[in-house]
Amino acid sequence: MGFEEKYMYKDSIIQHGRQLATIRLQRNGELMQEITFYFKPAAQGTKKPIIIGGISYDNDSFFALLNKKDFILVGRKITERILKTYPEFYEMDVQ
């Protein structure tokens, strides 16, 4: 959805935030790419938050750190597509 480099709590999320997943990808002859997804803390007015361990998180978007450099905001639909399980790659997407 966009870069969040100026997000006030960026360093806190990276160091102490609840991680959802990390994916590493390396193509032949290229540098490894890495993305780590973090649950985004719920803000005031967040609709239908996810509650994990008594803490509320946003249900519509996640933070991600791309190649340990770029801090970005990623929507739920894109996150779900990226984090498909192995068998799901061979199933047709339901629209």
N, C-alpha and C. Protein backbone atom coordinates (compact mmCIF):
# COMPACT_ATOMS: atom_id res chain seq x y z
N MET A 1 0.83 -1.18 0.00
CA MET A 1 0.00 0.00 0.00
C MET A 1 0.87 1.25 0.00
N GLY A 2 2.08 1.14 0.58
CA GLY A 2 2.96 2.30 0.58
C GLY A 2 4.08 2.18 1.59
N PHE A 3 5.04 3.09 1.46
CA PHE A 3 6.17 3.13 2.38
C PHE A 3 5.74 3.83 3.67
N GLU A 4 6.28 3.36 4.78
CA GLU A 4 5.96 3.92 6.10
C GLU A 4 7.24 4.34 6.82
N GLU A 5 8.19 4.87 6.09
CA GLU A 5 9.49 5.23 6.66
C GLU A 5 9.39 6.26 7.79
N LYS A 6 8.37 7.10 7.75
CA LYS A 6 8.24 8.16 8.76
C LYS A 6 7.32 7.75 9.92
N TYR A 7 6.91 6.48 9.95
CA TYR A 7 6.04 6.00 11.03
C TYR A 7 6.79 6.13 12.35
N MET A 8 6.18 6.80 13.31
CA MET A 8 6.81 7.15 14.58
C MET A 8 7.33 5.93 15.35
N TYR A 9 6.61 4.82 15.29
CA TYR A 9 6.97 3.64 16.09
C TYR A 9 7.63 2.54 15.28
N LYS A 10 8.18 2.88 14.14
CA LYS A 10 8.81 1.92 13.23
C LYS A 10 9.85 1.06 13.95
N ASP A 11 10.78 1.67 14.65
CA ASP A 11 11.85 0.92 15.32
C ASP A 11 11.30 -0.01 16.40
N SER A 12 10.28 0.44 17.10
CA SER A 12 9.65 -0.39 18.14
C SER A 12 8.98 -1.61 17.53
N ILE A 13 8.29 -1.42 16.40
CA ILE A 13 7.64 -2.54 15.71
C ILE A 13 8.69 -3.56 15.27
N ILE A 14 9.78 -3.09 14.68
CA ILE A 14 10.83 -3.99 14.18
C ILE A 14 11.49 -4.76 15.33
N GLN A 15 11.75 -4.09 16.44
CA GLN A 15 12.45 -4.73 17.55
C GLN A 15 11.55 -5.57 18.45
N HIS A 16 10.31 -5.09 18.68
CA HIS A 16 9.45 -5.75 19.67
C HIS A 16 8.09 -6.17 19.15
N GLY A 17 7.79 -5.88 17.90
CA GLY A 17 6.47 -6.19 17.36
C GLY A 17 6.24 -7.68 17.18
N ARG A 18 4.98 -8.06 17.12
CA ARG A 18 4.61 -9.47 16.91
C ARG A 18 4.76 -9.78 15.42
N GLN A 19 5.66 -10.73 15.12
CA GLN A 19 5.88 -11.12 13.73
C GLN A 19 4.83 -12.11 13.28
N LEU A 20 4.42 -11.97 12.03
CA LEU A 20 3.50 -12.90 11.42
C LEU A 20 4.27 -13.96 10.63
N ALA A 21 5.25 -13.53 9.83
CA ALA A 21 6.01 -14.47 9.00
C ALA A 21 7.22 -13.78 8.40
N THR A 22 8.21 -14.59 8.04
CA THR A 22 9.37 -14.12 7.27
C THR A 22 9.53 -15.03 6.07
N ILE A 23 9.72 -14.42 4.92
CA ILE A 23 9.94 -15.18 3.69
C ILE A 23 11.28 -14.75 3.11
N ARG A 24 12.09 -15.74 2.74
CA ARG A 24 13.36 -15.48 2.06
C ARG A 24 13.32 -16.16 0.70
N LEU A 25 13.75 -15.43 -0.32
CA LEU A 25 13.72 -15.94 -1.68
C LEU A 25 15.05 -15.63 -2.34
N GLN A 26 15.65 -16.65 -2.94
CA GLN A 26 16.90 -16.43 -3.65
C GLN A 26 16.81 -17.11 -5.01
N ARG A 27 16.95 -16.32 -6.04
CA ARG A 27 16.98 -16.83 -7.41
C ARG A 27 18.42 -17.13 -7.78
N ASN A 28 18.61 -18.00 -8.72
CA ASN A 28 19.97 -18.36 -9.15
C ASN A 28 20.77 -17.12 -9.55
N GLY A 29 21.93 -16.96 -8.94
CA GLY A 29 22.83 -15.88 -9.29
C GLY A 29 22.42 -14.51 -8.79
N GLU A 30 21.39 -14.42 -7.95
CA GLU A 30 20.95 -13.12 -7.45
C GLU A 30 21.02 -13.09 -5.93
N LEU A 31 20.99 -11.88 -5.38
CA LEU A 31 21.01 -11.72 -3.94
C LEU A 31 19.69 -12.19 -3.32
N MET A 32 19.76 -12.67 -2.09
CA MET A 32 18.57 -13.12 -1.39
C MET A 32 17.68 -11.92 -1.08
N GLN A 33 16.38 -12.10 -1.27
CA GLN A 33 15.37 -11.12 -0.92
C GLN A 33 14.68 -11.62 0.35
N GLU A 34 14.28 -10.70 1.23
CA GLU A 34 13.63 -11.10 2.48
C GLU A 34 12.55 -10.10 2.84
N ILE A 35 11.42 -10.63 3.31
CA ILE A 35 10.36 -9.76 3.82
C ILE A 35 9.83 -10.37 5.11
N THR A 36 9.72 -9.53 6.13
CA THR A 36 9.18 -9.95 7.42
C THR A 36 7.89 -9.15 7.65
N PHE A 37 6.80 -9.87 7.91
CA PHE A 37 5.51 -9.25 8.18
C PHE A 37 5.30 -9.13 9.68
N TYR A 38 4.71 -8.01 10.08
CA TYR A 38 4.40 -7.74 11.48
C TYR A 38 2.92 -7.39 11.60
N PHE A 39 2.29 -7.82 12.69
CA PHE A 39 0.94 -7.37 12.95
C PHE A 39 0.99 -5.88 13.24
N LYS A 40 0.06 -5.14 12.70
CA LYS A 40 -0.02 -3.69 12.92
C LYS A 40 -0.90 -3.43 14.13
N PRO A 41 -0.39 -2.73 15.14
CA PRO A 41 -1.22 -2.42 16.31
C PRO A 41 -2.50 -1.70 15.89
N ALA A 42 -3.60 -2.06 16.53
CA ALA A 42 -4.88 -1.42 16.22
C ALA A 42 -4.84 0.03 16.68
N ALA A 43 -5.41 0.89 15.87
CA ALA A 43 -5.53 2.31 16.20
C ALA A 43 -6.94 2.55 16.71
N GLN A 44 -7.15 3.69 17.29
CA GLN A 44 -8.49 4.03 17.75
C GLN A 44 -9.42 4.03 16.54
N GLY A 45 -10.52 3.33 16.65
CA GLY A 45 -11.48 3.25 15.55
C GLY A 45 -11.25 2.09 14.60
N THR A 46 -10.27 1.22 14.88
CA THR A 46 -10.04 0.04 14.03
C THR A 46 -11.28 -0.84 14.07
N LYS A 47 -11.76 -1.21 12.89
CA LYS A 47 -12.96 -2.06 12.80
C LYS A 47 -12.55 -3.52 12.88
N LYS A 48 -13.22 -4.28 13.71
CA LYS A 48 -13.01 -5.72 13.87
C LYS A 48 -11.52 -6.07 14.03
N PRO A 49 -10.89 -5.63 15.10
CA PRO A 49 -9.47 -5.95 15.29
C PRO A 49 -9.26 -7.44 15.56
N ILE A 50 -8.03 -7.90 15.28
CA ILE A 50 -7.60 -9.25 15.63
C ILE A 50 -7.08 -9.14 17.07
N ILE A 51 -7.51 -10.02 17.96
CA ILE A 51 -7.02 -9.97 19.34
C ILE A 51 -6.19 -11.22 19.60
N ILE A 52 -4.90 -11.01 19.88
CA ILE A 52 -3.97 -12.11 20.14
C ILE A 52 -3.30 -11.83 21.47
N GLY A 53 -3.44 -12.75 22.40
CA GLY A 53 -2.84 -12.56 23.72
C GLY A 53 -3.32 -11.31 24.42
N GLY A 54 -4.57 -10.93 24.19
CA GLY A 54 -5.13 -9.75 24.82
C GLY A 54 -4.74 -8.43 24.18
N ILE A 55 -3.99 -8.47 23.08
CA ILE A 55 -3.56 -7.25 22.38
C ILE A 55 -4.32 -7.15 21.07
N SER A 56 -4.82 -5.97 20.75
CA SER A 56 -5.59 -5.75 19.52
C SER A 56 -4.67 -5.33 18.37
N TYR A 57 -4.89 -5.97 17.22
CA TYR A 57 -4.14 -5.65 16.01
C TYR A 57 -5.11 -5.33 14.88
N ASP A 58 -4.64 -4.57 13.92
CA ASP A 58 -5.43 -4.21 12.75
C ASP A 58 -5.76 -5.46 11.95
N ASN A 59 -6.96 -5.54 11.43
CA ASN A 59 -7.40 -6.70 10.66
C ASN A 59 -7.28 -6.48 9.15
N ASP A 60 -7.02 -5.24 8.73
CA ASP A 60 -7.01 -4.92 7.31
C ASP A 60 -5.62 -4.71 6.72
N SER A 61 -4.61 -4.49 7.55
CA SER A 61 -3.28 -4.24 7.01
C SER A 61 -2.20 -4.69 7.99
N PHE A 62 -1.02 -4.89 7.44
CA PHE A 62 0.13 -5.35 8.22
C PHE A 62 1.33 -4.48 7.85
N PHE A 63 2.30 -4.40 8.76
CA PHE A 63 3.57 -3.77 8.43
C PHE A 63 4.50 -4.85 7.91
N ALA A 64 5.47 -4.44 7.11
CA ALA A 64 6.47 -5.39 6.63
C ALA A 64 7.81 -4.66 6.50
N LEU A 65 8.88 -5.41 6.71
CA LEU A 65 10.23 -4.89 6.52
C LEU A 65 10.82 -5.64 5.35
N LEU A 66 11.10 -4.93 4.27
CA LEU A 66 11.59 -5.52 3.04
C LEU A 66 13.11 -5.36 2.96
N ASN A 67 13.80 -6.50 2.89
CA ASN A 67 15.26 -6.53 2.78
C ASN A 67 15.95 -5.76 3.90
N LYS A 68 15.36 -5.81 5.11
CA LYS A 68 15.90 -5.16 6.31
C LYS A 68 16.16 -3.68 6.10
N LYS A 69 15.40 -3.07 5.17
CA LYS A 69 15.64 -1.68 4.83
C LYS A 69 14.36 -0.87 4.72
N ASP A 70 13.43 -1.30 3.89
CA ASP A 70 12.22 -0.54 3.62
C ASP A 70 11.07 -1.01 4.50
N PHE A 71 10.47 -0.09 5.23
CA PHE A 71 9.33 -0.37 6.10
C PHE A 71 8.08 -0.01 5.33
N ILE A 72 7.18 -0.97 5.12
CA ILE A 72 6.03 -0.75 4.26
C ILE A 72 4.73 -1.19 4.93
N LEU A 73 3.63 -0.71 4.39
CA LEU A 73 2.30 -1.10 4.81
C LEU A 73 1.73 -1.99 3.71
N VAL A 74 1.23 -3.18 4.10
CA VAL A 74 0.72 -4.14 3.12
C VAL A 74 -0.72 -4.49 3.49
N GLY A 75 -1.59 -4.47 2.50
CA GLY A 75 -2.99 -4.81 2.71
C GLY A 75 -3.19 -6.30 2.99
N ARG A 76 -4.31 -6.61 3.60
CA ARG A 76 -4.62 -7.99 3.98
C ARG A 76 -4.67 -8.94 2.78
N LYS A 77 -5.32 -8.53 1.68
CA LYS A 77 -5.45 -9.42 0.52
C LYS A 77 -4.08 -9.79 -0.07
N ILE A 78 -3.20 -8.83 -0.17
CA ILE A 78 -1.86 -9.11 -0.70
C ILE A 78 -1.10 -10.02 0.26
N THR A 79 -1.21 -9.74 1.56
CA THR A 79 -0.54 -10.57 2.56
C THR A 79 -1.04 -12.02 2.48
N GLU A 80 -2.33 -12.21 2.35
CA GLU A 80 -2.88 -13.56 2.23
C GLU A 80 -2.36 -14.27 0.99
N ARG A 81 -2.25 -13.56 -0.13
CA ARG A 81 -1.73 -14.18 -1.35
C ARG A 81 -0.27 -14.58 -1.21
N ILE A 82 0.51 -13.73 -0.58
CA ILE A 82 1.94 -14.03 -0.40
C ILE A 82 2.14 -15.21 0.53
N LEU A 83 1.29 -15.33 1.55
CA LEU A 83 1.47 -16.36 2.57
C LEU A 83 0.65 -17.63 2.33
N LYS A 84 0.32 -17.89 1.09
CA LYS A 84 -0.40 -19.12 0.77
C LYS A 84 0.44 -20.34 1.14
N THR A 85 -0.25 -21.40 1.51
CA THR A 85 0.45 -22.65 1.79
C THR A 85 0.78 -23.36 0.48
N TYR A 86 1.68 -24.30 0.53
CA TYR A 86 2.13 -25.01 -0.66
C TYR A 86 0.98 -25.55 -1.51
N PRO A 87 0.01 -26.30 -0.95
CA PRO A 87 -1.09 -26.81 -1.78
C PRO A 87 -1.94 -25.71 -2.40
N GLU A 88 -2.04 -24.56 -1.72
CA GLU A 88 -2.87 -23.47 -2.24
C GLU A 88 -2.32 -22.87 -3.53
N PHE A 89 -1.03 -23.01 -3.78
CA PHE A 89 -0.46 -22.49 -5.02
C PHE A 89 -1.03 -23.21 -6.23
N TYR A 90 -1.55 -24.39 -6.02
CA TYR A 90 -2.07 -25.19 -7.13
C TYR A 90 -3.59 -25.17 -7.20
N GLU A 91 -4.23 -24.40 -6.34
CA GLU A 91 -5.68 -24.25 -6.36
C GLU A 91 -6.05 -22.93 -7.02
N MET A 92 -7.20 -22.89 -7.67
CA MET A 92 -7.66 -21.68 -8.31
C MET A 92 -8.11 -20.68 -7.26
N ASP A 93 -7.77 -19.40 -7.46
CA ASP A 93 -8.24 -18.34 -6.56
C ASP A 93 -9.74 -18.18 -6.72
N VAL A 94 -10.44 -18.06 -5.61
CA VAL A 94 -11.88 -17.83 -5.62
C VAL A 94 -12.10 -16.33 -5.54
N GLN A 95 -12.82 -15.79 -6.46
CA GLN A 95 -13.05 -14.34 -6.49
C GLN A 95 -14.33 -13.98 -5.82
